[in-house]
Amino acid sequence: MASNGIQTARTSFPQPPQSWSGLSWRQLCDCWRAKMRYGGNADVARTAALLVLLGLEVRGKEPSAGSHDAVTGEAVYTLRDGDGQPWKVTPRELSQLAKAVLPWFDFPYGDPGMEAVKDEKTGKVVKEAVDPVRGYVSQMRDALILPEETVSIRGSRFALPQVACNNLTWQQYRSLQAISPQLFHEGLAEDQVADLQAQFLAHCLVPRSLALLDTSGGSIRIRPHWEYRYDTTRAEGLAGFWRKALRKQGGTAAVLFHISLQAYQTALVYYAAAYPLLFSDDSKGNRMQDALQGEVGTINTVMKYAGYAEQQQVYDSNLPFVLDILNTMAKEAKQIEAMNARIKKK
């Protein structure tokens, strides 16, 4: 691999992005379209994505006469970049190249790893387990920041899920947490999948709305202005809108669903790293799951810590604000447990 690109036996290519986080908005959409179009064939999808990322296109659908390797007999394709520069490469070279330089392409939600393989007769491990790698999504330190903030579809404008910018509210997080696990259930019918995807989009993409109250500057004034604010009631009504938009397979709505889910999954990885006391399972259970299930207790506690007078203020709070409070509570509980353990030893 060269310092300014990648080398093949025949020519050199510019260096492609190193992760999903390094893609421009256009590249992000193009890569997802490649995955959706060739999802059943990972090699073809990866190769198609590489061509997009390198800004190359195949000249003609089939190799022209005489465009076969004299030694191996393989077809040799002529690729051209935006400047018309020709590149010669065989399909095998291109496929191998894509696999080598785009290891992250197959894992937009994180590498799931692999369980150990045991011999059926002896029970001995014949292939060691491979730990999951989450870094292909966000590289842990820079959660996926989408290169654009809004998107228009079917005449409406929505704010994209800028989860890395801490724009999720507590209520929005609760809604997405209830929907997202169902997306991965096996045996779902197509209609069920479409309904779940529509619900996810409805709660993930916040629509632009006209507001009348303006509280900037510490005072309340009646001033019409556009804003993006999550409203769970309105989100539930938008599910039908997204259901219709998703009917066009491979369309903008379908691409937006995958990008939104990818961004959300990245946020969870990011928060799990930032708040290990909340998101790591221990002998006491899963603290975040407990917080979601113990809704009344969680809301009352946050209201007390934040000095809120109404429950809705908690629901409207940014997720990191609530997580900071819950994390403080978890630390205090851990300190009390440690203190009690020391007392018992005496």
Protein backbone atom coordinates (compact mmCIF):
# COMPACT_ATOMS: atom_id res chain seq x y z
CA MET A 1 0.00 0.00 0.00
CA ALA A 2 1.46 3.33 -1.03
CA SER A 3 1.44 6.39 1.20
CA ASN A 4 -0.90 8.27 -1.12
CA GLY A 5 -3.00 5.38 -2.39
CA ILE A 6 -3.16 1.65 -3.09
CA GLN A 7 -1.15 -0.30 -5.64
CA THR A 8 -2.13 -3.26 -7.84
CA ALA A 9 -0.10 -5.28 -10.30
CA ARG A 10 -1.30 -3.04 -13.12
CA THR A 11 -1.85 0.42 -11.73
CA SER A 12 -2.42 2.57 -8.66
CA PHE A 13 -5.63 3.90 -7.11
CA PRO A 14 -6.31 6.78 -4.71
CA GLN A 15 -6.67 5.86 -1.05
CA PRO A 16 -10.32 5.04 -0.14
CA PRO A 17 -11.84 6.03 3.25
CA GLN A 18 -10.71 3.97 6.22
CA SER A 19 -14.07 3.54 7.94
CA TRP A 20 -17.78 4.29 7.68
CA SER A 21 -17.05 7.44 9.69
CA GLY A 22 -14.81 8.76 6.91
CA LEU A 23 -17.50 8.79 4.22
CA SER A 24 -19.07 11.91 2.79
CA TRP A 25 -22.87 12.06 2.69
CA ARG A 26 -22.88 11.07 -1.00
CA GLN A 27 -20.46 8.19 -0.38
CA LEU A 28 -22.52 7.03 2.60
CA CYS A 29 -25.67 6.86 0.48
CA ASP A 30 -23.85 5.19 -2.45
CA CYS A 31 -22.29 2.53 -0.21
CA TRP A 32 -25.65 1.68 1.29
CA ARG A 33 -27.23 1.42 -2.14
CA ALA A 34 -24.48 -1.02 -3.12
CA LYS A 35 -25.16 -3.11 0.01
CA MET A 36 -28.88 -3.09 -0.67
CA ARG A 37 -28.52 -3.98 -4.34
CA TYR A 38 -25.96 -6.76 -3.93
CA GLY A 39 -26.63 -7.67 -0.29
CA GLY A 40 -26.73 -11.38 -1.08
CA ASN A 41 -23.26 -11.28 -2.61
CA ALA A 42 -20.79 -9.58 -0.27
CA ASP A 43 -17.91 -9.68 -2.77
CA VAL A 44 -19.91 -7.96 -5.50
CA ALA A 45 -21.35 -5.37 -3.10
CA ARG A 46 -17.90 -4.58 -1.71
CA THR A 47 -16.42 -4.28 -5.19
CA ALA A 48 -19.25 -2.03 -6.35
CA ALA A 49 -18.67 0.19 -3.31
CA LEU A 50 -14.95 0.38 -4.03
CA LEU A 51 -15.62 1.61 -7.57
CA VAL A 52 -17.91 4.30 -6.17
CA LEU A 53 -15.41 5.38 -3.53
CA LEU A 54 -12.59 5.58 -6.06
CA GLY A 55 -14.76 7.50 -8.51
CA LEU A 56 -14.31 4.85 -11.22
CA GLU A 57 -16.71 3.39 -13.74
CA VAL A 58 -16.49 0.40 -16.06
CA ARG A 59 -16.11 1.35 -19.71
CA GLY A 60 -18.68 -0.86 -21.40
CA LYS A 61 -20.64 -3.69 -19.83
CA GLU A 62 -18.37 -6.44 -21.15
CA PRO A 63 -14.63 -6.58 -21.89
CA SER A 64 -13.91 -5.61 -25.48
CA ALA A 65 -12.14 -7.91 -27.93
CA GLY A 66 -8.52 -8.52 -27.00
CA SER A 67 -9.00 -7.35 -23.43
CA HIS A 68 -7.99 -10.60 -21.79
CA ASP A 69 -4.80 -11.38 -19.92
CA ALA A 70 -2.39 -13.18 -22.25
CA VAL A 71 -1.14 -15.47 -19.46
CA THR A 72 -4.19 -16.26 -17.30
CA GLY A 73 -6.93 -15.63 -19.87
CA GLU A 74 -8.82 -13.49 -17.37
CA ALA A 75 -10.96 -10.63 -18.57
CA VAL A 76 -9.35 -7.22 -18.18
CA TYR A 77 -11.68 -4.31 -17.61
CA THR A 78 -10.91 -0.72 -18.46
CA LEU A 79 -11.98 1.66 -15.71
CA ARG A 80 -12.09 5.44 -16.04
CA ASP A 81 -12.07 8.11 -13.37
CA GLY A 82 -13.62 11.56 -13.55
CA ASP A 83 -10.69 12.88 -15.60
CA GLY A 84 -11.01 10.11 -18.17
CA GLN A 85 -7.85 8.40 -16.92
CA PRO A 86 -7.97 4.69 -17.94
CA TRP A 87 -7.19 1.93 -15.46
CA LYS A 88 -6.70 -1.74 -16.29
CA VAL A 89 -7.76 -4.39 -13.78
CA THR A 90 -9.17 -7.92 -13.71
CA PRO A 91 -12.34 -8.75 -11.73
CA ARG A 92 -10.33 -11.00 -9.43
CA GLU A 93 -7.82 -8.25 -8.70
CA LEU A 94 -10.60 -5.77 -8.02
CA SER A 95 -12.46 -8.17 -5.71
CA GLN A 96 -9.29 -8.98 -3.75
CA LEU A 97 -8.43 -5.31 -3.57
CA ALA A 98 -11.88 -4.39 -2.25
CA LYS A 99 -11.67 -7.08 0.44
CA ALA A 100 -8.24 -5.86 1.51
CA VAL A 101 -8.90 -2.12 1.67
CA LEU A 102 -12.55 -2.11 2.79
CA PRO A 103 -12.54 -4.51 5.78
CA TRP A 104 -15.11 -2.26 7.47
CA PHE A 105 -17.66 -2.39 4.65
CA ASP A 106 -19.34 -5.62 5.78
CA PHE A 107 -19.89 -4.34 9.34
CA PRO A 108 -21.85 -1.06 9.38
CA TYR A 109 -23.26 -1.94 12.81
CA GLY A 110 -19.99 -3.34 14.17
CA ASP A 111 -18.20 -6.64 13.56
CA PRO A 112 -20.25 -9.30 15.43
CA GLY A 113 -17.24 -11.56 15.83
CA MET A 114 -17.49 -15.35 15.68
CA GLU A 115 -18.22 -18.07 18.22
CA ALA A 116 -15.75 -20.87 18.75
CA VAL A 117 -16.24 -23.91 16.50
CA LYS A 118 -16.09 -27.31 18.21
CA ASP A 119 -15.69 -30.78 16.80
CA GLU A 120 -19.06 -32.55 17.01
CA LYS A 121 -17.53 -35.83 18.15
CA THR A 122 -14.75 -34.78 20.53
CA GLY A 123 -16.11 -31.42 21.65
CA LYS A 124 -12.65 -29.89 21.22
CA VAL A 125 -12.32 -26.37 19.85
CA VAL A 126 -11.12 -26.56 16.25
CA LYS A 127 -11.50 -22.84 15.54
CA GLU A 128 -10.99 -20.21 18.21
CA ALA A 129 -13.61 -17.56 18.90
CA VAL A 130 -13.10 -14.13 17.38
CA ASP A 131 -13.95 -11.16 19.59
CA PRO A 132 -16.46 -8.66 18.16
CA VAL A 133 -14.97 -5.45 16.83
CA ARG A 134 -17.14 -2.38 17.19
CA GLY A 135 -14.58 0.02 15.75
CA TYR A 136 -15.71 -0.42 12.15
CA VAL A 137 -18.72 1.70 13.00
CA SER A 138 -17.27 4.60 14.93
CA GLN A 139 -13.65 3.88 15.83
CA MET A 140 -15.00 4.41 19.37
CA ARG A 141 -13.45 7.86 19.74
CA ASP A 142 -15.33 9.66 16.97
CA ALA A 143 -18.95 8.55 16.90
CA LEU A 144 -20.49 8.76 13.45
CA ILE A 145 -21.17 12.41 12.64
CA LEU A 146 -23.27 12.65 9.50
CA PRO A 147 -21.80 15.20 7.06
CA GLU A 148 -25.22 16.81 6.52
CA GLU A 149 -27.80 17.98 9.03
CA THR A 150 -31.13 17.80 7.17
CA VAL A 151 -32.75 15.88 4.34
CA SER A 152 -35.88 16.42 2.24
CA ILE A 153 -38.17 13.57 1.23
CA ARG A 154 -41.65 13.62 -0.27
CA GLY A 155 -41.88 17.39 0.25
CA SER A 156 -41.02 17.32 3.97
CA ARG A 157 -37.77 18.25 5.67
CA PHE A 158 -36.24 16.26 8.52
CA ALA A 159 -33.24 16.66 10.80
CA LEU A 160 -30.88 13.73 10.38
CA PRO A 161 -29.99 11.73 13.53
CA GLN A 162 -26.99 13.73 14.70
CA VAL A 163 -26.60 11.38 17.65
CA ALA A 164 -22.91 12.14 18.03
CA CYS A 165 -23.89 15.77 18.67
CA ASN A 166 -26.04 14.70 21.62
CA ASN A 167 -29.35 15.60 19.99
CA LEU A 168 -31.25 12.54 21.24
CA THR A 169 -33.75 13.24 24.02
CA TRP A 170 -34.49 10.79 26.82
CA GLN A 171 -37.97 10.10 25.45
CA GLN A 172 -36.59 9.59 21.93
CA TYR A 173 -34.02 7.15 23.27
CA ARG A 174 -36.76 5.23 25.11
CA SER A 175 -38.81 4.94 21.93
CA LEU A 176 -35.88 3.81 19.78
CA GLN A 177 -34.78 1.30 22.41
CA ALA A 178 -38.24 -0.28 22.33
CA ILE A 179 -38.22 -0.57 18.52
CA SER A 180 -34.63 -1.36 17.52
CA PRO A 181 -34.28 -4.85 19.12
CA GLN A 182 -37.34 -6.05 17.21
CA LEU A 183 -35.62 -5.21 13.89
CA PHE A 184 -33.27 -8.14 14.36
CA HIS A 185 -35.84 -10.81 15.22
CA GLU A 186 -35.74 -13.79 12.85
CA GLY A 187 -38.74 -14.94 10.88
CA LEU A 188 -40.37 -11.53 10.43
CA ALA A 189 -42.65 -11.10 7.42
CA GLU A 190 -41.88 -8.30 4.94
CA ASP A 191 -44.83 -6.24 6.15
CA GLN A 192 -43.66 -6.55 9.75
CA VAL A 193 -40.15 -5.43 8.80
CA ALA A 194 -41.49 -2.45 6.86
CA ASP A 195 -43.70 -1.44 9.80
CA LEU A 196 -40.79 -1.59 12.23
CA GLN A 197 -38.53 0.35 9.88
CA ALA A 198 -41.24 3.01 9.47
CA GLN A 199 -41.64 3.28 13.25
CA PHE A 200 -37.89 3.59 13.71
CA LEU A 201 -37.64 6.38 11.13
CA ALA A 202 -40.64 8.16 12.63
CA HIS A 203 -38.92 8.36 16.02
CA CYS A 204 -35.37 8.88 14.71
CA LEU A 205 -35.79 11.64 12.10
CA VAL A 206 -37.25 14.78 13.62
CA PRO A 207 -39.45 16.80 11.21
CA ARG A 208 -39.24 20.54 10.75
CA SER A 209 -42.21 22.32 12.32
CA LEU A 210 -43.45 25.88 12.71
CA ALA A 211 -43.30 27.08 16.31
CA LEU A 212 -44.77 30.27 17.75
CA LEU A 213 -43.10 30.60 21.15
CA ASP A 214 -39.53 31.88 21.35
CA THR A 215 -37.81 31.75 24.73
CA SER A 216 -34.39 32.97 23.63
CA GLY A 217 -32.85 35.72 25.70
CA GLY A 218 -34.63 34.64 28.86
CA SER A 219 -38.01 36.03 27.79
CA ILE A 220 -41.06 34.57 26.07
CA ARG A 221 -42.12 36.17 22.80
CA ILE A 222 -44.63 35.19 20.15
CA ARG A 223 -42.52 34.81 17.03
CA PRO A 224 -43.14 32.27 14.25
CA HIS A 225 -40.00 30.30 13.43
CA TRP A 226 -38.99 26.87 12.12
CA GLU A 227 -37.45 24.36 14.48
CA TYR A 228 -36.67 20.64 14.82
CA ARG A 229 -38.00 19.24 18.09
CA TYR A 230 -38.85 15.64 18.94
CA ASP A 231 -42.50 15.02 19.84
CA THR A 232 -43.45 11.41 20.51
CA THR A 233 -47.11 12.02 19.64
CA ARG A 234 -46.23 13.48 16.27
CA ALA A 235 -43.65 10.76 15.66
CA GLU A 236 -46.29 8.06 16.08
CA GLY A 237 -48.39 9.79 13.43
CA LEU A 238 -45.45 9.87 11.00
CA ALA A 239 -45.11 6.08 10.85
CA GLY A 240 -47.66 5.96 8.02
CA PHE A 241 -45.70 8.59 6.08
CA TRP A 242 -42.52 6.53 6.26
CA ARG A 243 -44.39 3.30 5.50
CA LYS A 244 -45.45 4.77 2.14
CA ALA A 245 -41.99 6.18 1.47
CA LEU A 246 -40.37 2.77 2.12
CA ARG A 247 -42.47 1.03 -0.52
CA LYS A 248 -39.91 2.01 -3.13
CA GLN A 249 -37.18 -0.52 -2.41
CA GLY A 250 -33.74 0.99 -2.81
CA GLY A 251 -35.22 4.50 -2.66
CA THR A 252 -34.13 7.40 -0.47
CA ALA A 253 -36.27 6.31 2.49
CA ALA A 254 -34.72 2.83 2.52
CA VAL A 255 -31.23 4.33 2.46
CA LEU A 256 -32.16 6.75 5.24
CA PHE A 257 -33.38 3.88 7.41
CA HIS A 258 -30.02 2.10 7.25
CA ILE A 259 -28.05 5.30 7.81
CA SER A 260 -30.29 6.20 10.76
CA LEU A 261 -29.95 2.74 12.31
CA GLN A 262 -26.18 2.86 11.76
CA ALA A 263 -25.99 6.26 13.46
CA TYR A 264 -28.11 5.05 16.37
CA GLN A 265 -26.07 1.88 16.87
CA THR A 266 -22.94 4.03 16.81
CA ALA A 267 -24.40 6.26 19.52
CA LEU A 268 -25.02 3.25 21.75
CA VAL A 269 -21.40 2.12 21.33
CA TYR A 270 -20.24 5.65 22.09
CA TYR A 271 -22.37 5.96 25.24
CA ALA A 272 -21.43 2.47 26.41
CA ALA A 273 -17.78 3.56 26.32
CA ALA A 274 -18.52 6.88 28.04
CA TYR A 275 -20.76 5.38 30.76
CA PRO A 276 -19.51 1.84 31.47
CA LEU A 277 -21.27 1.73 34.84
CA LEU A 278 -24.62 2.13 33.10
CA PHE A 279 -24.23 0.00 30.00
CA SER A 280 -22.12 -2.91 31.29
CA ASP A 281 -23.84 -5.97 32.73
CA ASP A 282 -22.74 -7.00 36.20
CA SER A 283 -23.99 -9.21 38.99
CA LYS A 284 -26.63 -6.59 39.75
CA GLY A 285 -28.00 -6.68 36.19
CA ASN A 286 -28.17 -4.12 33.39
CA ARG A 287 -28.52 -0.66 34.93
CA MET A 288 -29.78 1.05 31.77
CA GLN A 289 -32.38 -1.64 31.20
CA ASP A 290 -33.44 -1.29 34.82
CA ALA A 291 -33.71 2.49 34.37
CA LEU A 292 -35.96 2.05 31.34
CA GLN A 293 -38.16 -0.54 33.04
CA GLY A 294 -38.34 1.37 36.31
CA GLU A 295 -39.78 4.37 34.50
CA VAL A 296 -41.45 6.08 37.47
CA GLY A 297 -38.43 5.75 39.73
CA THR A 298 -36.04 6.99 37.06
CA ILE A 299 -38.16 10.03 36.22
CA ASN A 300 -38.61 10.97 39.89
CA THR A 301 -34.90 10.63 40.57
CA VAL A 302 -33.91 12.78 37.59
CA MET A 303 -36.51 15.39 38.56
CA LYS A 304 -35.01 15.53 42.05
CA TYR A 305 -31.40 15.83 40.86
CA ALA A 306 -32.20 18.36 38.12
CA GLY A 307 -34.68 20.41 40.10
CA TYR A 308 -37.46 19.85 37.57
CA ALA A 309 -41.09 20.53 38.43
CA GLU A 310 -42.67 18.48 35.62
CA GLN A 311 -42.04 14.98 34.23
CA GLN A 312 -42.10 16.27 30.65
CA GLN A 313 -38.93 18.23 31.38
CA VAL A 314 -37.14 14.92 31.91
CA TYR A 315 -38.54 13.45 28.70
CA ASP A 316 -37.40 16.54 26.76
CA SER A 317 -33.90 16.55 28.28
CA ASN A 318 -30.90 15.61 26.15
CA LEU A 319 -29.87 12.00 26.67
CA PRO A 320 -26.33 12.77 27.98
CA PHE A 321 -27.82 15.06 30.66
CA VAL A 322 -29.96 12.19 31.97
CA LEU A 323 -27.08 9.73 31.60
CA ASP A 324 -24.83 12.01 33.68
CA ILE A 325 -27.39 11.94 36.50
CA LEU A 326 -27.89 8.17 36.30
CA ASN A 327 -24.12 7.67 36.17
CA THR A 328 -23.69 9.79 39.31
CA MET A 329 -26.32 7.66 41.04
CA ALA A 330 -24.54 4.47 39.93
CA LYS A 331 -21.22 5.76 41.32
CA GLU A 332 -22.84 6.65 44.63
CA ALA A 333 -24.47 3.22 44.84
CA LYS A 334 -21.12 1.56 44.13
CA GLN A 335 -19.41 3.62 46.82
CA ILE A 336 -22.11 2.70 49.34
CA GLU A 337 -21.72 -1.00 48.44
CA ALA A 338 -17.96 -0.77 48.92
CA MET A 339 -18.41 1.00 52.26
CA ASN A 340 -20.88 -1.62 53.51
CA ALA A 341 -18.51 -4.39 52.42
CA ARG A 342 -15.66 -2.83 54.44
CA ILE A 343 -17.91 -2.50 57.49
CA LYS A 344 -18.92 -6.17 57.29
CA LYS A 345 -15.25 -7.23 57.21
CA LYS A 346 -14.52 -5.44 60.50
